[in-house]
Amino acid sequence: MKFLKIIHHKTIFILKWFFQNFNELMYLKIPLILFYFFGFNLIIFLFFHQDKDTTDITTSIFAIMATISAICFSWSKALDEKSESQYVNKLGERFFQSSLLFILASSLKYISINFYKNNAIFNYFLNEDVFKSVFNYFYMLVFSTAFSKAGFIFSDLNKFLWKKHGMSTGTIMPKTNDKSTNIVLPIDNK
């Protein structure tokens, strides 16, 4: 009987913890875990193949990251509070740095695929296997760095938005004490 009480209390503790941390788990932690899991698999399967040209994918990623960076820069100018403005501006800078890393990795991979084939002087001085293996590991390192940096920046931006809009752990709806942001239904105006 004592064993069942312990299990009952542990189960209730776990359920309380889950519902208190529901928002953080569902909207902050789990998407980040899925982002990293699928993203690193994408990097390994797409970009690790030396002969596959992936410049179209990395160019798209660059465009998306640069756009998000521009949005952060514009948004930081519109924010009233200086500390929030500086934080969002810093996030924009980090997004832009990550997008530049994607372009750098893409250009390194393009060099490893095409440059050796078209350069007779390079063929004379360097062995193709050594050249490709060095460039392969180097651009994979840059891709992984850019991807992990982007994941952390997305996470920081998401956390900032959640804090800014009053969403925190323990509630499904945002917490606010400001009466101007409360929703007034037409029935309440009678």
C-alpha atoms as a PDB file:
ATOM      1  CA  MET A   1       0.000   0.000   0.000  1.00  0.00           C
ATOM      2  CA  LYS A   2       2.849   2.360   0.821  1.00  0.00           C
ATOM      3  CA  PHE A   3       4.404   1.579  -2.559  1.00  0.00           C
ATOM      4  CA  LEU A   4       1.176   2.584  -4.351  1.00  0.00           C
ATOM      5  CA  LYS A   5       1.061   5.878  -2.431  1.00  0.00           C
ATOM      6  CA  ILE A   6       4.633   6.646  -3.497  1.00  0.00           C
ATOM      7  CA  ILE A   7       3.814   5.877  -7.134  1.00  0.00           C
ATOM      8  CA  HIS A   8       0.646   7.954  -6.864  1.00  0.00           C
ATOM      9  CA  HIS A   9       2.559  10.958  -5.472  1.00  0.00           C
ATOM     10  CA  LYS A  10       5.307  10.620  -8.077  1.00  0.00           C
ATOM     11  CA  THR A  11       2.733  10.431 -10.870  1.00  0.00           C
ATOM     12  CA  ILE A  12       0.952  13.510  -9.587  1.00  0.00           C
ATOM     13  CA  PHE A  13       4.296  15.321  -9.283  1.00  0.00           C
ATOM     14  CA  ILE A  14       5.203  14.466 -12.879  1.00  0.00           C
ATOM     15  CA  LEU A  15       1.774  15.516 -14.177  1.00  0.00           C
ATOM     16  CA  LYS A  16       1.923  18.825 -12.257  1.00  0.00           C
ATOM     17  CA  TRP A  17       5.403  19.490 -13.603  1.00  0.00           C
ATOM     18  CA  PHE A  18       4.266  18.702 -17.145  1.00  0.00           C
ATOM     19  CA  PHE A  19       1.257  21.027 -17.013  1.00  0.00           C
ATOM     20  CA  GLN A  20       3.255  23.792 -15.327  1.00  0.00           C
ATOM     21  CA  ASN A  21       5.895  23.572 -18.036  1.00  0.00           C
ATOM     22  CA  PHE A  22       3.557  22.797 -20.943  1.00  0.00           C
ATOM     23  CA  ASN A  23       4.157  26.011 -22.901  1.00  0.00           C
ATOM     24  CA  GLU A  24       7.900  25.878 -22.504  1.00  0.00           C
ATOM     25  CA  LEU A  25       8.033  22.243 -23.572  1.00  0.00           C
ATOM     26  CA  MET A  26       5.618  22.491 -26.497  1.00  0.00           C
ATOM     27  CA  TYR A  27       6.724  25.799 -27.945  1.00  0.00           C
ATOM     28  CA  LEU A  28      10.353  26.239 -26.922  1.00  0.00           C
ATOM     29  CA  LYS A  29      12.108  22.956 -26.137  1.00  0.00           C
ATOM     30  CA  ILE A  30      10.524  20.305 -28.373  1.00  0.00           C
ATOM     31  CA  PRO A  31      10.720  22.376 -31.599  1.00  0.00           C
ATOM     32  CA  LEU A  32      14.384  23.108 -30.894  1.00  0.00           C
ATOM     33  CA  ILE A  33      15.126  19.410 -30.357  1.00  0.00           C
ATOM     34  CA  LEU A  34      13.328  18.530 -33.609  1.00  0.00           C
ATOM     35  CA  PHE A  35      15.139  21.362 -35.427  1.00  0.00           C
ATOM     36  CA  TYR A  36      18.507  19.991 -34.393  1.00  0.00           C
ATOM     37  CA  PHE A  37      17.614  16.341 -34.992  1.00  0.00           C
ATOM     38  CA  PHE A  38      16.273  16.823 -38.514  1.00  0.00           C
ATOM     39  CA  GLY A  39      18.709  19.595 -39.362  1.00  0.00           C
ATOM     40  CA  PHE A  40      21.844  17.662 -38.513  1.00  0.00           C
ATOM     41  CA  ASN A  41      20.481  14.670 -40.405  1.00  0.00           C
ATOM     42  CA  LEU A  42      19.913  16.978 -43.380  1.00  0.00           C
ATOM     43  CA  ILE A  43      23.458  18.288 -43.103  1.00  0.00           C
ATOM     44  CA  ILE A  44      24.911  14.799 -42.907  1.00  0.00           C
ATOM     45  CA  PHE A  45      22.873  13.316 -45.757  1.00  0.00           C
ATOM     46  CA  LEU A  46      22.876  16.284 -48.144  1.00  0.00           C
ATOM     47  CA  PHE A  47      26.095  18.130 -47.561  1.00  0.00           C
ATOM     48  CA  PHE A  48      28.477  15.318 -46.692  1.00  0.00           C
ATOM     49  CA  HIS A  49      28.324  13.886 -50.205  1.00  0.00           C
ATOM     50  CA  GLN A  50      31.309  15.462 -51.909  1.00  0.00           C
ATOM     51  CA  ASP A  51      29.980  15.381 -55.454  1.00  0.00           C
ATOM     52  CA  LYS A  52      26.457  16.678 -54.782  1.00  0.00           C
ATOM     53  CA  ASP A  53      26.027  20.379 -55.536  1.00  0.00           C
ATOM     54  CA  THR A  54      23.877  21.958 -52.817  1.00  0.00           C
ATOM     55  CA  THR A  55      24.359  25.634 -53.626  1.00  0.00           C
ATOM     56  CA  ASP A  56      20.635  26.085 -54.347  1.00  0.00           C
ATOM     57  CA  ILE A  57      19.734  24.925 -50.821  1.00  0.00           C
ATOM     58  CA  THR A  58      22.367  27.073 -49.130  1.00  0.00           C
ATOM     59  CA  THR A  59      21.414  30.093 -51.223  1.00  0.00           C
ATOM     60  CA  SER A  60      17.816  29.659 -50.082  1.00  0.00           C
ATOM     61  CA  ILE A  61      18.951  29.349 -46.467  1.00  0.00           C
ATOM     62  CA  PHE A  62      21.047  32.503 -46.892  1.00  0.00           C
ATOM     63  CA  ALA A  63      18.057  34.400 -48.266  1.00  0.00           C
ATOM     64  CA  ILE A  64      15.820  33.270 -45.404  1.00  0.00           C
ATOM     65  CA  MET A  65      18.415  34.119 -42.749  1.00  0.00           C
ATOM     66  CA  ALA A  66      19.199  37.519 -44.299  1.00  0.00           C
ATOM     67  CA  THR A  67      15.473  38.309 -44.434  1.00  0.00           C
ATOM     68  CA  ILE A  68      15.012  37.393 -40.780  1.00  0.00           C
ATOM     69  CA  SER A  69      18.051  39.516 -39.984  1.00  0.00           C
ATOM     70  CA  ALA A  70      16.523  42.500 -41.810  1.00  0.00           C
ATOM     71  CA  ILE A  71      13.243  41.975 -39.954  1.00  0.00           C
ATOM     72  CA  CYS A  72      15.126  41.995 -36.633  1.00  0.00           C
ATOM     73  CA  PHE A  73      16.945  45.209 -37.578  1.00  0.00           C
ATOM     74  CA  SER A  74      13.694  46.931 -38.546  1.00  0.00           C
ATOM     75  CA  TRP A  75      11.891  45.635 -35.488  1.00  0.00           C
ATOM     76  CA  SER A  76      14.656  46.849 -33.168  1.00  0.00           C
ATOM     77  CA  LYS A  77      14.097  50.406 -34.428  1.00  0.00           C
ATOM     78  CA  ALA A  78      10.379  50.158 -33.688  1.00  0.00           C
ATOM     79  CA  LEU A  79      10.769  48.942 -30.093  1.00  0.00           C
ATOM     80  CA  ASP A  80      10.342  51.572 -27.387  1.00  0.00           C
ATOM     81  CA  GLU A  81      12.497  50.101 -24.657  1.00  0.00           C
ATOM     82  CA  LYS A  82      16.218  50.553 -25.328  1.00  0.00           C
ATOM     83  CA  SER A  83      17.336  47.230 -23.783  1.00  0.00           C
ATOM     84  CA  GLU A  84      14.824  45.296 -25.910  1.00  0.00           C
ATOM     85  CA  SER A  85      15.879  47.237 -28.988  1.00  0.00           C
ATOM     86  CA  GLN A  86      19.545  46.439 -28.396  1.00  0.00           C
ATOM     87  CA  TYR A  87      18.777  42.761 -27.774  1.00  0.00           C
ATOM     88  CA  VAL A  88      16.750  42.382 -30.983  1.00  0.00           C
ATOM     89  CA  ASN A  89      19.444  44.290 -32.909  1.00  0.00           C
ATOM     90  CA  LYS A  90      22.036  41.847 -31.526  1.00  0.00           C
ATOM     91  CA  LEU A  91      19.850  38.919 -32.643  1.00  0.00           C
ATOM     92  CA  GLY A  92      19.716  40.470 -36.130  1.00  0.00           C
ATOM     93  CA  GLU A  93      23.506  40.712 -36.191  1.00  0.00           C
ATOM     94  CA  ARG A  94      23.804  37.082 -35.133  1.00  0.00           C
ATOM     95  CA  PHE A  95      21.320  36.016 -37.851  1.00  0.00           C
ATOM     96  CA  PHE A  96      23.336  37.913 -40.434  1.00  0.00           C
ATOM     97  CA  GLN A  97      26.579  36.319 -39.236  1.00  0.00           C
ATOM     98  CA  SER A  98      24.982  32.877 -39.495  1.00  0.00           C
ATOM     99  CA  SER A  99      23.775  33.625 -43.026  1.00  0.00           C
ATOM    100  CA  LEU A 100      27.313  34.659 -44.005  1.00  0.00           C
ATOM    101  CA  LEU A 101      28.620  31.382 -42.592  1.00  0.00           C
ATOM    102  CA  PHE A 102      26.137  29.501 -44.799  1.00  0.00           C
ATOM    103  CA  ILE A 103      27.402  31.370 -47.869  1.00  0.00           C
ATOM    104  CA  LEU A 104      31.023  30.707 -46.860  1.00  0.00           C
ATOM    105  CA  ALA A 105      30.309  26.986 -46.447  1.00  0.00           C
ATOM    106  CA  SER A 106      28.471  26.912 -49.761  1.00  0.00           C
ATOM    107  CA  SER A 107      31.366  28.552 -51.574  1.00  0.00           C
ATOM    108  CA  LEU A 108      33.847  26.143 -49.964  1.00  0.00           C
ATOM    109  CA  LYS A 109      31.785  23.193 -51.115  1.00  0.00           C
ATOM    110  CA  TYR A 110      31.528  24.659 -54.612  1.00  0.00           C
ATOM    111  CA  ILE A 111      35.310  25.044 -54.666  1.00  0.00           C
ATOM    112  CA  SER A 112      35.795  21.466 -53.526  1.00  0.00           C
ATOM    113  CA  ILE A 113      33.488  20.186 -56.283  1.00  0.00           C
ATOM    114  CA  ASN A 114      34.470  22.333 -59.260  1.00  0.00           C
ATOM    115  CA  PHE A 115      37.802  24.067 -58.749  1.00  0.00           C
ATOM    116  CA  TYR A 116      40.017  21.001 -58.798  1.00  0.00           C
ATOM    117  CA  LYS A 117      38.502  19.752 -62.055  1.00  0.00           C
ATOM    118  CA  ASN A 118      39.120  22.994 -63.948  1.00  0.00           C
ATOM    119  CA  ASN A 119      42.567  23.990 -62.705  1.00  0.00           C
ATOM    120  CA  ALA A 120      45.565  22.276 -64.305  1.00  0.00           C
ATOM    121  CA  ILE A 121      48.111  23.947 -62.001  1.00  0.00           C
ATOM    122  CA  PHE A 122      46.224  22.711 -58.969  1.00  0.00           C
ATOM    123  CA  ASN A 123      46.141  19.204 -60.454  1.00  0.00           C
ATOM    124  CA  TYR A 124      49.904  19.242 -60.778  1.00  0.00           C
ATOM    125  CA  PHE A 125      50.705  20.289 -57.172  1.00  0.00           C
ATOM    126  CA  LEU A 126      47.954  18.662 -55.105  1.00  0.00           C
ATOM    127  CA  ASN A 127      46.520  15.202 -54.918  1.00  0.00           C
ATOM    128  CA  GLU A 128      42.755  15.234 -55.565  1.00  0.00           C
ATOM    129  CA  ASP A 129      41.946  12.980 -52.593  1.00  0.00           C
ATOM    130  CA  VAL A 130      43.876  15.146 -50.121  1.00  0.00           C
ATOM    131  CA  PHE A 131      42.359  18.352 -51.500  1.00  0.00           C
ATOM    132  CA  LYS A 132      38.788  17.048 -51.382  1.00  0.00           C
ATOM    133  CA  SER A 133      39.086  15.498 -47.926  1.00  0.00           C
ATOM    134  CA  VAL A 134      40.510  18.706 -46.407  1.00  0.00           C
ATOM    135  CA  PHE A 135      37.841  20.875 -48.029  1.00  0.00           C
ATOM    136  CA  ASN A 136      35.146  18.331 -47.170  1.00  0.00           C
ATOM    137  CA  TYR A 137      35.888  18.441 -43.443  1.00  0.00           C
ATOM    138  CA  PHE A 138      36.353  22.192 -43.454  1.00  0.00           C
ATOM    139  CA  TYR A 139      33.053  23.044 -45.156  1.00  0.00           C
ATOM    140  CA  MET A 140      31.237  20.476 -42.976  1.00  0.00           C
ATOM    141  CA  LEU A 141      32.619  22.247 -39.907  1.00  0.00           C
ATOM    142  CA  VAL A 142      31.434  25.614 -41.226  1.00  0.00           C
ATOM    143  CA  PHE A 143      27.990  24.189 -42.150  1.00  0.00           C
ATOM    144  CA  SER A 144      27.595  22.647 -38.697  1.00  0.00           C
ATOM    145  CA  THR A 145      28.674  25.859 -36.988  1.00  0.00           C
ATOM    146  CA  ALA A 146      26.271  27.963 -39.059  1.00  0.00           C
ATOM    147  CA  PHE A 147      23.406  25.547 -38.449  1.00  0.00           C
ATOM    148  CA  SER A 148      23.918  25.282 -34.689  1.00  0.00           C
ATOM    149  CA  LYS A 149      24.316  29.066 -34.449  1.00  0.00           C
ATOM    150  CA  ALA A 150      21.033  29.523 -36.350  1.00  0.00           C
ATOM    151  CA  GLY A 151      19.267  27.095 -34.006  1.00  0.00           C
ATOM    152  CA  PHE A 152      20.411  28.952 -30.913  1.00  0.00           C
ATOM    153  CA  ILE A 153      19.425  32.304 -32.414  1.00  0.00           C
ATOM    154  CA  PHE A 154      15.953  31.018 -33.325  1.00  0.00           C
ATOM    155  CA  SER A 155      15.607  29.730 -29.777  1.00  0.00           C
ATOM    156  CA  ASP A 156      16.671  33.079 -28.286  1.00  0.00           C
ATOM    157  CA  LEU A 157      14.262  34.980 -30.534  1.00  0.00           C
ATOM    158  CA  ASN A 158      11.416  32.638 -29.650  1.00  0.00           C
ATOM    159  CA  LYS A 159      12.131  32.998 -25.910  1.00  0.00           C
ATOM    160  CA  PHE A 160      12.226  36.786 -26.275  1.00  0.00           C
ATOM    161  CA  LEU A 161       8.868  36.827 -28.048  1.00  0.00           C
ATOM    162  CA  TRP A 162       7.326  34.605 -25.397  1.00  0.00           C
ATOM    163  CA  LYS A 163       8.586  36.810 -22.583  1.00  0.00           C
ATOM    164  CA  LYS A 164       7.548  39.984 -24.388  1.00  0.00           C
ATOM    165  CA  HIS A 165       3.991  38.785 -24.880  1.00  0.00           C
ATOM    166  CA  GLY A 166       3.634  37.514 -21.325  1.00  0.00           C
ATOM    167  CA  MET A 167       3.573  33.839 -22.131  1.00  0.00           C
ATOM    168  CA  SER A 168       5.364  31.822 -19.525  1.00  0.00           C
ATOM    169  CA  THR A 169       5.280  28.398 -18.012  1.00  0.00           C
ATOM    170  CA  GLY A 170       2.211  27.212 -16.199  1.00  0.00           C
ATOM    171  CA  THR A 171      -0.445  28.804 -18.403  1.00  0.00           C
ATOM    172  CA  ILE A 172      -1.966  28.159 -21.752  1.00  0.00           C
ATOM    173  CA  MET A 173      -3.035  31.802 -22.182  1.00  0.00           C
ATOM    174  CA  PRO A 174      -0.681  34.781 -21.809  1.00  0.00           C
ATOM    175  CA  LYS A 175      -0.386  36.374 -18.380  1.00  0.00           C
ATOM    176  CA  THR A 176      -1.107  40.084 -18.382  1.00  0.00           C
ATOM    177  CA  ASN A 177      -2.198  42.729 -15.908  1.00  0.00           C
ATOM    178  CA  ASP A 178      -2.658  45.381 -18.563  1.00  0.00           C
ATOM    179  CA  LYS A 179      -6.372  45.976 -19.107  1.00  0.00           C
ATOM    180  CA  SER A 180      -5.817  47.479 -22.559  1.00  0.00           C
ATOM    181  CA  THR A 181      -4.661  44.137 -23.933  1.00  0.00           C
ATOM    182  CA  ASN A 182      -7.545  42.101 -22.529  1.00  0.00           C
ATOM    183  CA  ILE A 183     -10.027  40.867 -25.105  1.00  0.00           C
ATOM    184  CA  VAL A 184     -13.490  42.381 -24.732  1.00  0.00           C
ATOM    185  CA  LEU A 185     -16.297  40.371 -26.214  1.00  0.00           C
ATOM    186  CA  PRO A 186     -19.336  42.194 -27.656  1.00  0.00           C
ATOM    187  CA  ILE A 187     -21.508  40.479 -25.014  1.00  0.00           C
ATOM    188  CA  ASP A 188     -19.528  42.212 -22.227  1.00  0.00           C
ATOM    189  CA  ASN A 189     -20.352  45.717 -23.489  1.00  0.00           C
ATOM    190  CA  LYS A 190     -24.003  45.641 -22.318  1.00  0.00           C
END
